[in-house]
Amino acid sequence: MAKYKRIAEEIRNRIINTVYDSSKPIPEQEKLAQEFQTSRVTIKKALDLLAVEGLVYSKQGSGTFVRKNALQMSMLDTRADEYSGLTNQIGDESKITSVIVSFNVRFPDEDECEKLITTRNQPIYDIIRFRLLNDEPYTIEHTKMPVHVIPNLTEEILHQSIYQYIKNDLGLKIAGANRRIRADRPDEFDKKYLKCNECEPILEVNQVVYLESGVPFEYSRTRHRYDMGDVLVVDLKYSN
C-alpha cells in the first residue's frame, strides 16, 4: 500500500474514533508530515483522498476540517479498495454484533478450488455470519477459507473479527482483492436476517482476497441491505 494511503487510513481511523474535533481544524500539513516522517506532498495526497471520500474539507486560510457527518458516512459506506474487515472499517467493536448462522469444515467444490487455488482434498471453512450495526441488520456474509492457510478458526474469533485474528494473531498481511459488485433480489437468508421484503433490492459484493504472498485466503459474497450504505469507489490519479 502506498504511503499516502496508509496515512489516510490512520487519519480515517482517528476521524472514526473522534480523535479530531469537527469544530477545530485537524493538525496542519507540516505537523502531520513531521509526525508521519514524510513530505507535505504525501500528506496532501492523503488529505485529498479523504476529501474525495467526503470525510474532510478545506477552508482557505483556516485549515482542514472533519465534516460533521463524517462518522455516519464512514460507518455505512464500504470502500471498494479497502480490505480491512468490518470491525476495522467501523472503528468501534462495540457497535458490531456477529451472529453465527453456520460454521462448518468441508471439502471444496470445483469452483471453490479454482478461486482459492486449493485441491479437492484440502478442507475449507464454510461460514455464514449475520452482522448487525448498532443492533440494526447490516450484512449477511457467506465466507469460504482454506483451513491450511487460516488455521484454528473458532466460534470465539467469528464473534469478533476474523481479519484482526489474521493480522494480529497469525501475523499475515493482506494485499488486496478482486471484487464484483451487483444488485440482486433478496433470498431466504436476506428476508430472514436482513428483514427484506420481496421487492427490496440487495447489494452483493463477491470477492477473492489475497495475502501479501499472493495466496488467496477468502472467497466470499456479502449481502447488504440497500438502505445501509453504499460501496464507495475513490479514483485519484496518483501513481504511488
C-alpha atoms as a PDB file:
ATOM      1  CA  MET A   1       0.000   0.000   0.000  1.00  0.00           C
ATOM      2  CA  ALA A   2       1.298   3.464  -0.929  1.00  0.00           C
ATOM      3  CA  LYS A   3       2.413   5.604   2.000  1.00  0.00           C
ATOM      4  CA  TYR A   4      -0.224   8.290   1.461  1.00  0.00           C
ATOM      5  CA  LYS A   5      -2.923   5.595   1.611  1.00  0.00           C
ATOM      6  CA  ARG A   6      -1.522   4.251   4.896  1.00  0.00           C
ATOM      7  CA  ILE A   7      -1.530   7.783   6.317  1.00  0.00           C
ATOM      8  CA  ALA A   8      -5.084   8.355   5.047  1.00  0.00           C
ATOM      9  CA  GLU A   9      -6.148   5.123   6.750  1.00  0.00           C
ATOM     10  CA  GLU A  10      -4.671   6.284  10.077  1.00  0.00           C
ATOM     11  CA  ILE A  11      -6.333   9.705   9.820  1.00  0.00           C
ATOM     12  CA  ARG A  12      -9.587   7.998   8.800  1.00  0.00           C
ATOM     13  CA  ASN A  13      -9.420   5.854  11.947  1.00  0.00           C
ATOM     14  CA  ARG A  14      -8.828   8.961  14.045  1.00  0.00           C
ATOM     15  CA  ILE A  15     -11.906  10.570  12.492  1.00  0.00           C
ATOM     16  CA  ILE A  16     -13.988   7.463  13.191  1.00  0.00           C
ATOM     17  CA  ASN A  17     -12.772   7.390  16.793  1.00  0.00           C
ATOM     18  CA  THR A  18     -13.460  11.149  17.183  1.00  0.00           C
ATOM     19  CA  VAL A  19      -9.834  11.992  17.915  1.00  0.00           C
ATOM     20  CA  TYR A  20     -10.323  15.167  15.863  1.00  0.00           C
ATOM     21  CA  ASP A  21     -12.965  17.702  16.941  1.00  0.00           C
ATOM     22  CA  SER A  22     -15.100  18.730  13.953  1.00  0.00           C
ATOM     23  CA  SER A  23     -15.256  22.299  15.292  1.00  0.00           C
ATOM     24  CA  LYS A  24     -11.476  22.686  15.041  1.00  0.00           C
ATOM     25  CA  PRO A  25      -9.040  22.161  12.161  1.00  0.00           C
ATOM     26  CA  ILE A  26      -7.011  18.967  12.175  1.00  0.00           C
ATOM     27  CA  PRO A  27      -3.226  19.428  12.591  1.00  0.00           C
ATOM     28  CA  GLU A  28      -1.523  21.399   9.851  1.00  0.00           C
ATOM     29  CA  GLN A  29       0.119  19.532   6.980  1.00  0.00           C
ATOM     30  CA  GLU A  30       3.586  20.424   8.260  1.00  0.00           C
ATOM     31  CA  LYS A  31       2.845  18.915  11.699  1.00  0.00           C
ATOM     32  CA  LEU A  32       1.343  15.793  10.126  1.00  0.00           C
ATOM     33  CA  ALA A  33       4.390  15.483   7.872  1.00  0.00           C
ATOM     34  CA  GLN A  34       6.652  15.592  10.939  1.00  0.00           C
ATOM     35  CA  GLU A  35       4.507  13.047  12.793  1.00  0.00           C
ATOM     36  CA  PHE A  36       4.425  10.568   9.900  1.00  0.00           C
ATOM     37  CA  GLN A  37       8.017  11.343   8.866  1.00  0.00           C
ATOM     38  CA  THR A  38       7.132  12.175   5.311  1.00  0.00           C
ATOM     39  CA  SER A  39       6.720  15.146   2.964  1.00  0.00           C
ATOM     40  CA  ARG A  40       3.888  17.659   2.829  1.00  0.00           C
ATOM     41  CA  VAL A  41       3.161  16.402  -0.698  1.00  0.00           C
ATOM     42  CA  THR A  42       2.404  12.938   0.697  1.00  0.00           C
ATOM     43  CA  ILE A  43       0.201  14.430   3.445  1.00  0.00           C
ATOM     44  CA  LYS A  44      -1.687  16.453   0.826  1.00  0.00           C
ATOM     45  CA  LYS A  45      -2.326  13.267  -1.164  1.00  0.00           C
ATOM     46  CA  ALA A  46      -3.707  11.591   1.963  1.00  0.00           C
ATOM     47  CA  LEU A  47      -5.976  14.548   2.738  1.00  0.00           C
ATOM     48  CA  ASP A  48      -7.099  14.731  -0.909  1.00  0.00           C
ATOM     49  CA  LEU A  49      -8.128  11.087  -0.673  1.00  0.00           C
ATOM     50  CA  LEU A  50     -10.156  11.750   2.486  1.00  0.00           C
ATOM     51  CA  ALA A  51     -11.733  14.802   0.861  1.00  0.00           C
ATOM     52  CA  VAL A  52     -12.881  12.722  -2.120  1.00  0.00           C
ATOM     53  CA  GLU A  53     -14.406  10.261   0.365  1.00  0.00           C
ATOM     54  CA  GLY A  54     -16.331  13.158   1.898  1.00  0.00           C
ATOM     55  CA  LEU A  55     -14.671  12.926   5.325  1.00  0.00           C
ATOM     56  CA  VAL A  56     -12.787  16.256   5.369  1.00  0.00           C
ATOM     57  CA  TYR A  57     -12.956  19.648   3.673  1.00  0.00           C
ATOM     58  CA  SER A  58     -10.659  22.666   3.460  1.00  0.00           C
ATOM     59  CA  LYS A  59     -11.337  26.291   4.337  1.00  0.00           C
ATOM     60  CA  GLN A  60      -8.957  28.700   2.654  1.00  0.00           C
ATOM     61  CA  GLY A  61      -6.794  30.315   5.299  1.00  0.00           C
ATOM     62  CA  SER A  62      -8.313  28.222   8.116  1.00  0.00           C
ATOM     63  CA  GLY A  63      -7.123  24.655   7.500  1.00  0.00           C
ATOM     64  CA  THR A  64      -8.708  21.224   7.020  1.00  0.00           C
ATOM     65  CA  PHE A  65     -11.812  20.222   8.991  1.00  0.00           C
ATOM     66  CA  VAL A  66     -13.707  16.998   9.641  1.00  0.00           C
ATOM     67  CA  ARG A  67     -17.209  17.001   8.168  1.00  0.00           C
ATOM     68  CA  LYS A  68     -19.922  16.803  10.815  1.00  0.00           C
ATOM     69  CA  ASN A  69     -21.488  13.727   9.158  1.00  0.00           C
ATOM     70  CA  ALA A  70     -18.115  12.015   8.570  1.00  0.00           C
ATOM     71  CA  LEU A  71     -18.683   9.374  11.268  1.00  0.00           C
ATOM     72  CA  GLN A  72     -22.025   8.333   9.809  1.00  0.00           C
ATOM     73  CA  MET A  73     -20.573   8.155   6.296  1.00  0.00           C
ATOM     74  CA  SER A  74     -17.590   6.087   7.441  1.00  0.00           C
ATOM     75  CA  MET A  75     -19.784   3.624   9.307  1.00  0.00           C
ATOM     76  CA  LEU A  76     -22.211   2.907   6.486  1.00  0.00           C
ATOM     77  CA  ASP A  77     -20.125   3.195   3.319  1.00  0.00           C
ATOM     78  CA  THR A  78     -17.792   0.418   2.194  1.00  0.00           C
ATOM     79  CA  ARG A  79     -14.619   1.324   0.327  1.00  0.00           C
ATOM     80  CA  ALA A  80     -14.270  -0.705  -2.864  1.00  0.00           C
ATOM     81  CA  ASP A  81     -10.476  -0.767  -2.385  1.00  0.00           C
ATOM     82  CA  GLU A  82     -10.469  -1.483   1.368  1.00  0.00           C
ATOM     83  CA  TYR A  83      -9.923  -4.979   2.738  1.00  0.00           C
ATOM     84  CA  SER A  84      -9.589  -4.385   6.473  1.00  0.00           C
ATOM     85  CA  GLY A  85     -12.799  -6.071   7.571  1.00  0.00           C
ATOM     86  CA  LEU A  86     -15.977  -4.631   9.036  1.00  0.00           C
ATOM     87  CA  THR A  87     -14.634  -4.186  12.585  1.00  0.00           C
ATOM     88  CA  ASN A  88     -11.738  -2.037  11.408  1.00  0.00           C
ATOM     89  CA  GLN A  89     -13.982  -0.141   8.994  1.00  0.00           C
ATOM     90  CA  ILE A  90     -16.424   0.826  11.754  1.00  0.00           C
ATOM     91  CA  GLY A  91     -13.640   1.507  14.240  1.00  0.00           C
ATOM     92  CA  ASP A  92     -15.672   0.538  17.312  1.00  0.00           C
ATOM     93  CA  GLU A  93     -16.149  -3.160  18.008  1.00  0.00           C
ATOM     94  CA  SER A  94     -18.948  -2.434  20.495  1.00  0.00           C
ATOM     95  CA  LYS A  95     -21.167  -1.222  17.622  1.00  0.00           C
ATOM     96  CA  ILE A  96     -20.963  -4.570  15.792  1.00  0.00           C
ATOM     97  CA  THR A  97     -22.722  -7.814  16.690  1.00  0.00           C
ATOM     98  CA  SER A  98     -21.841 -11.026  14.859  1.00  0.00           C
ATOM     99  CA  VAL A  99     -24.303 -13.916  14.823  1.00  0.00           C
ATOM    100  CA  ILE A 100     -23.003 -17.266  13.549  1.00  0.00           C
ATOM    101  CA  VAL A 101     -25.662 -18.788  11.303  1.00  0.00           C
ATOM    102  CA  SER A 102     -23.466 -21.776  10.397  1.00  0.00           C
ATOM    103  CA  PHE A 103     -19.824 -22.783  10.806  1.00  0.00           C
ATOM    104  CA  ASN A 104     -18.586 -25.994   9.178  1.00  0.00           C
ATOM    105  CA  VAL A 105     -15.472 -27.582   7.743  1.00  0.00           C
ATOM    106  CA  ARG A 106     -15.869 -29.470   4.467  1.00  0.00           C
ATOM    107  CA  PHE A 107     -14.092 -30.278   1.222  1.00  0.00           C
ATOM    108  CA  PRO A 108     -14.353 -27.652  -1.557  1.00  0.00           C
ATOM    109  CA  ASP A 109     -16.208 -27.960  -4.833  1.00  0.00           C
ATOM    110  CA  GLU A 110     -14.610 -27.258  -8.211  1.00  0.00           C
ATOM    111  CA  ASP A 111     -15.408 -23.531  -8.209  1.00  0.00           C
ATOM    112  CA  GLU A 112     -14.036 -23.065  -4.677  1.00  0.00           C
ATOM    113  CA  CYS A 113     -10.855 -24.945  -5.603  1.00  0.00           C
ATOM    114  CA  GLU A 114     -10.350 -22.610  -8.550  1.00  0.00           C
ATOM    115  CA  LYS A 115     -10.958 -19.416  -6.562  1.00  0.00           C
ATOM    116  CA  LEU A 116      -8.887 -20.463  -3.528  1.00  0.00           C
ATOM    117  CA  ILE A 117      -6.193 -22.292  -5.559  1.00  0.00           C
ATOM    118  CA  THR A 118      -6.570 -25.428  -3.495  1.00  0.00           C
ATOM    119  CA  THR A 119      -7.248 -29.121  -4.116  1.00  0.00           C
ATOM    120  CA  ARG A 120     -10.378 -31.158  -3.542  1.00  0.00           C
ATOM    121  CA  ASN A 121      -8.815 -32.935  -0.535  1.00  0.00           C
ATOM    122  CA  GLN A 122      -7.822 -29.753   1.296  1.00  0.00           C
ATOM    123  CA  PRO A 123     -10.659 -28.753   3.665  1.00  0.00           C
ATOM    124  CA  ILE A 124     -12.161 -25.276   3.846  1.00  0.00           C
ATOM    125  CA  TYR A 125     -14.222 -23.387   6.402  1.00  0.00           C
ATOM    126  CA  ASP A 126     -17.793 -22.700   5.285  1.00  0.00           C
ATOM    127  CA  ILE A 127     -19.075 -19.753   7.339  1.00  0.00           C
ATOM    128  CA  ILE A 128     -22.296 -17.770   7.304  1.00  0.00           C
ATOM    129  CA  ARG A 129     -22.400 -14.756   9.628  1.00  0.00           C
ATOM    130  CA  PHE A 130     -25.129 -12.211  10.217  1.00  0.00           C
ATOM    131  CA  ARG A 131     -23.710  -8.790  11.151  1.00  0.00           C
ATOM    132  CA  LEU A 132     -25.636  -6.073  12.970  1.00  0.00           C
ATOM    133  CA  LEU A 133     -24.555  -2.444  13.257  1.00  0.00           C
ATOM    134  CA  ASN A 134     -25.946  -0.672  16.324  1.00  0.00           C
ATOM    135  CA  ASP A 135     -28.403  -3.573  16.626  1.00  0.00           C
ATOM    136  CA  GLU A 136     -29.737  -2.964  13.110  1.00  0.00           C
ATOM    137  CA  PRO A 137     -29.445  -5.636  10.360  1.00  0.00           C
ATOM    138  CA  TYR A 138     -26.425  -4.802   8.206  1.00  0.00           C
ATOM    139  CA  THR A 139     -24.996  -7.714   6.196  1.00  0.00           C
ATOM    140  CA  ILE A 140     -25.023 -11.457   5.655  1.00  0.00           C
ATOM    141  CA  GLU A 141     -21.545 -12.866   4.926  1.00  0.00           C
ATOM    142  CA  HIS A 142     -21.073 -16.206   3.130  1.00  0.00           C
ATOM    143  CA  THR A 143     -17.358 -16.964   3.513  1.00  0.00           C
ATOM    144  CA  LYS A 144     -15.031 -19.804   2.476  1.00  0.00           C
ATOM    145  CA  MET A 145     -11.410 -20.011   3.706  1.00  0.00           C
ATOM    146  CA  PRO A 146      -8.779 -22.761   3.345  1.00  0.00           C
ATOM    147  CA  VAL A 147      -8.042 -24.353   6.711  1.00  0.00           C
ATOM    148  CA  HIS A 148      -4.337 -24.756   5.949  1.00  0.00           C
ATOM    149  CA  VAL A 149      -3.986 -21.021   5.159  1.00  0.00           C
ATOM    150  CA  ILE A 150      -6.072 -19.706   8.089  1.00  0.00           C
ATOM    151  CA  PRO A 151      -5.728 -22.362  10.809  1.00  0.00           C
ATOM    152  CA  ASN A 152      -7.535 -22.694  14.130  1.00  0.00           C
ATOM    153  CA  LEU A 153     -10.570 -20.522  13.484  1.00  0.00           C
ATOM    154  CA  THR A 154     -13.014 -20.747  16.382  1.00  0.00           C
ATOM    155  CA  GLU A 155     -16.512 -19.511  17.136  1.00  0.00           C
ATOM    156  CA  GLU A 156     -14.986 -17.009  19.562  1.00  0.00           C
ATOM    157  CA  ILE A 157     -12.988 -15.465  16.675  1.00  0.00           C
ATOM    158  CA  LEU A 158     -16.085 -15.435  14.449  1.00  0.00           C
ATOM    159  CA  HIS A 159     -17.985 -13.488  17.088  1.00  0.00           C
ATOM    160  CA  GLN A 160     -15.232 -10.857  16.981  1.00  0.00           C
ATOM    161  CA  SER A 161     -13.040 -10.124  13.925  1.00  0.00           C
ATOM    162  CA  ILE A 162     -11.550 -12.691  11.548  1.00  0.00           C
ATOM    163  CA  TYR A 163      -9.327 -10.038   9.929  1.00  0.00           C
ATOM    164  CA  GLN A 164      -7.877  -8.938  13.266  1.00  0.00           C
ATOM    165  CA  TYR A 165      -7.101 -12.597  14.004  1.00  0.00           C
ATOM    166  CA  ILE A 166      -5.391 -12.946  10.608  1.00  0.00           C
ATOM    167  CA  LYS A 167      -3.283  -9.798  11.061  1.00  0.00           C
ATOM    168  CA  ASN A 168      -2.605  -9.783  14.800  1.00  0.00           C
ATOM    169  CA  ASP A 169      -2.526 -13.466  15.783  1.00  0.00           C
ATOM    170  CA  LEU A 170      -1.334 -15.131  12.579  1.00  0.00           C
ATOM    171  CA  GLY A 171       0.895 -12.199  11.595  1.00  0.00           C
ATOM    172  CA  LEU A 172      -0.253 -12.281   7.963  1.00  0.00           C
ATOM    173  CA  LYS A 173      -0.502  -9.238   5.700  1.00  0.00           C
ATOM    174  CA  ILE A 174      -3.475  -8.679   3.415  1.00  0.00           C
ATOM    175  CA  ALA A 175      -2.575  -7.357  -0.032  1.00  0.00           C
ATOM    176  CA  GLY A 176      -5.832  -6.826  -1.927  1.00  0.00           C
ATOM    177  CA  ALA A 177      -8.840  -8.391  -3.579  1.00  0.00           C
ATOM    178  CA  ASN A 178     -10.726  -8.967  -6.792  1.00  0.00           C
ATOM    179  CA  ARG A 179     -14.288  -7.738  -6.342  1.00  0.00           C
ATOM    180  CA  ARG A 180     -17.501  -7.927  -8.323  1.00  0.00           C
ATOM    181  CA  ILE A 181     -20.463  -5.833  -7.183  1.00  0.00           C
ATOM    182  CA  ARG A 182     -24.012  -6.451  -8.337  1.00  0.00           C
ATOM    183  CA  ALA A 183     -27.641  -5.913  -7.393  1.00  0.00           C
ATOM    184  CA  ASP A 184     -29.853  -8.899  -6.667  1.00  0.00           C
ATOM    185  CA  ARG A 185     -33.253  -9.895  -5.383  1.00  0.00           C
ATOM    186  CA  PRO A 186     -33.382 -10.989  -1.729  1.00  0.00           C
ATOM    187  CA  ASP A 187     -33.059 -14.702  -0.983  1.00  0.00           C
ATOM    188  CA  GLU A 188     -34.426 -16.522   2.051  1.00  0.00           C
ATOM    189  CA  PHE A 189     -31.441 -15.580   4.241  1.00  0.00           C
ATOM    190  CA  ASP A 190     -31.877 -11.919   3.317  1.00  0.00           C
ATOM    191  CA  LYS A 191     -35.576 -11.984   4.146  1.00  0.00           C
ATOM    192  CA  LYS A 192     -34.995 -13.709   7.454  1.00  0.00           C
ATOM    193  CA  TYR A 193     -31.945 -11.857   8.761  1.00  0.00           C
ATOM    194  CA  LEU A 194     -31.836  -8.544   6.886  1.00  0.00           C
ATOM    195  CA  LYS A 195     -35.611  -8.112   7.167  1.00  0.00           C
ATOM    196  CA  CYS A 196     -36.001  -7.508   3.439  1.00  0.00           C
ATOM    197  CA  ASN A 197     -39.228  -7.977   1.597  1.00  0.00           C
ATOM    198  CA  GLU A 198     -39.579  -9.414  -1.884  1.00  0.00           C
ATOM    199  CA  CYS A 199     -39.370  -6.013  -3.596  1.00  0.00           C
ATOM    200  CA  GLU A 200     -36.325  -4.586  -1.805  1.00  0.00           C
ATOM    201  CA  PRO A 201     -33.000  -4.950  -3.660  1.00  0.00           C
ATOM    202  CA  ILE A 202     -29.815  -6.393  -2.187  1.00  0.00           C
ATOM    203  CA  LEU A 203     -26.268  -5.210  -2.936  1.00  0.00           C
ATOM    204  CA  GLU A 204     -23.949  -8.218  -3.227  1.00  0.00           C
ATOM    205  CA  VAL A 205     -20.145  -7.981  -3.130  1.00  0.00           C
ATOM    206  CA  ASN A 206     -18.305 -11.075  -4.384  1.00  0.00           C
ATOM    207  CA  GLN A 207     -14.599 -11.155  -3.661  1.00  0.00           C
ATOM    208  CA  VAL A 208     -11.441 -13.207  -3.539  1.00  0.00           C
ATOM    209  CA  VAL A 209      -8.975 -11.718  -1.055  1.00  0.00           C
ATOM    210  CA  TYR A 210      -5.211 -12.315  -1.198  1.00  0.00           C
ATOM    211  CA  LEU A 211      -2.364 -12.292   1.273  1.00  0.00           C
ATOM    212  CA  GLU A 212       0.810 -10.345   0.511  1.00  0.00           C
ATOM    213  CA  SER A 213       2.349 -13.652  -0.601  1.00  0.00           C
ATOM    214  CA  GLY A 214      -0.268 -13.879  -3.382  1.00  0.00           C
ATOM    215  CA  VAL A 215      -2.118 -16.769  -1.718  1.00  0.00           C
ATOM    216  CA  PRO A 216      -5.932 -16.383  -1.733  1.00  0.00           C
ATOM    217  CA  PHE A 217      -7.396 -16.841   1.755  1.00  0.00           C
ATOM    218  CA  GLU A 218     -11.041 -15.805   1.322  1.00  0.00           C
ATOM    219  CA  TYR A 219     -13.745 -16.452  -1.236  1.00  0.00           C
ATOM    220  CA  SER A 220     -16.907 -14.718  -0.127  1.00  0.00           C
ATOM    221  CA  ARG A 221     -20.107 -12.976  -1.018  1.00  0.00           C
ATOM    222  CA  THR A 222     -21.528 -10.331   1.274  1.00  0.00           C
ATOM    223  CA  ARG A 223     -25.160  -9.283   1.024  1.00  0.00           C
ATOM    224  CA  HIS A 224     -26.011  -5.702   2.073  1.00  0.00           C
ATOM    225  CA  ARG A 225     -29.350  -4.095   2.798  1.00  0.00           C
ATOM    226  CA  TYR A 226     -29.997  -1.488   0.096  1.00  0.00           C
ATOM    227  CA  ASP A 227     -30.535   1.260   2.710  1.00  0.00           C
ATOM    228  CA  MET A 228     -27.451   0.537   4.869  1.00  0.00           C
ATOM    229  CA  GLY A 229     -24.677   2.325   2.995  1.00  0.00           C
ATOM    230  CA  ASP A 230     -23.034   2.305  -0.419  1.00  0.00           C
ATOM    231  CA  VAL A 231     -19.867   0.930  -1.952  1.00  0.00           C
ATOM    232  CA  LEU A 232     -17.549   3.896  -2.403  1.00  0.00           C
ATOM    233  CA  VAL A 233     -15.102   3.953  -5.323  1.00  0.00           C
ATOM    234  CA  VAL A 234     -12.309   6.510  -4.962  1.00  0.00           C
ATOM    235  CA  ASP A 235     -10.299   7.320  -8.085  1.00  0.00           C
ATOM    236  CA  LEU A 236      -7.301   9.586  -7.548  1.00  0.00           C
ATOM    237  CA  LYS A 237      -4.753   9.936 -10.346  1.00  0.00           C
ATOM    238  CA  TYR A 238      -1.700   9.219  -8.173  1.00  0.00           C
ATOM    239  CA  SER A 239       0.789   6.623  -9.320  1.00  0.00           C
ATOM    240  CA  ASN A 240       2.009   5.702  -5.815  1.00  0.00           C
END
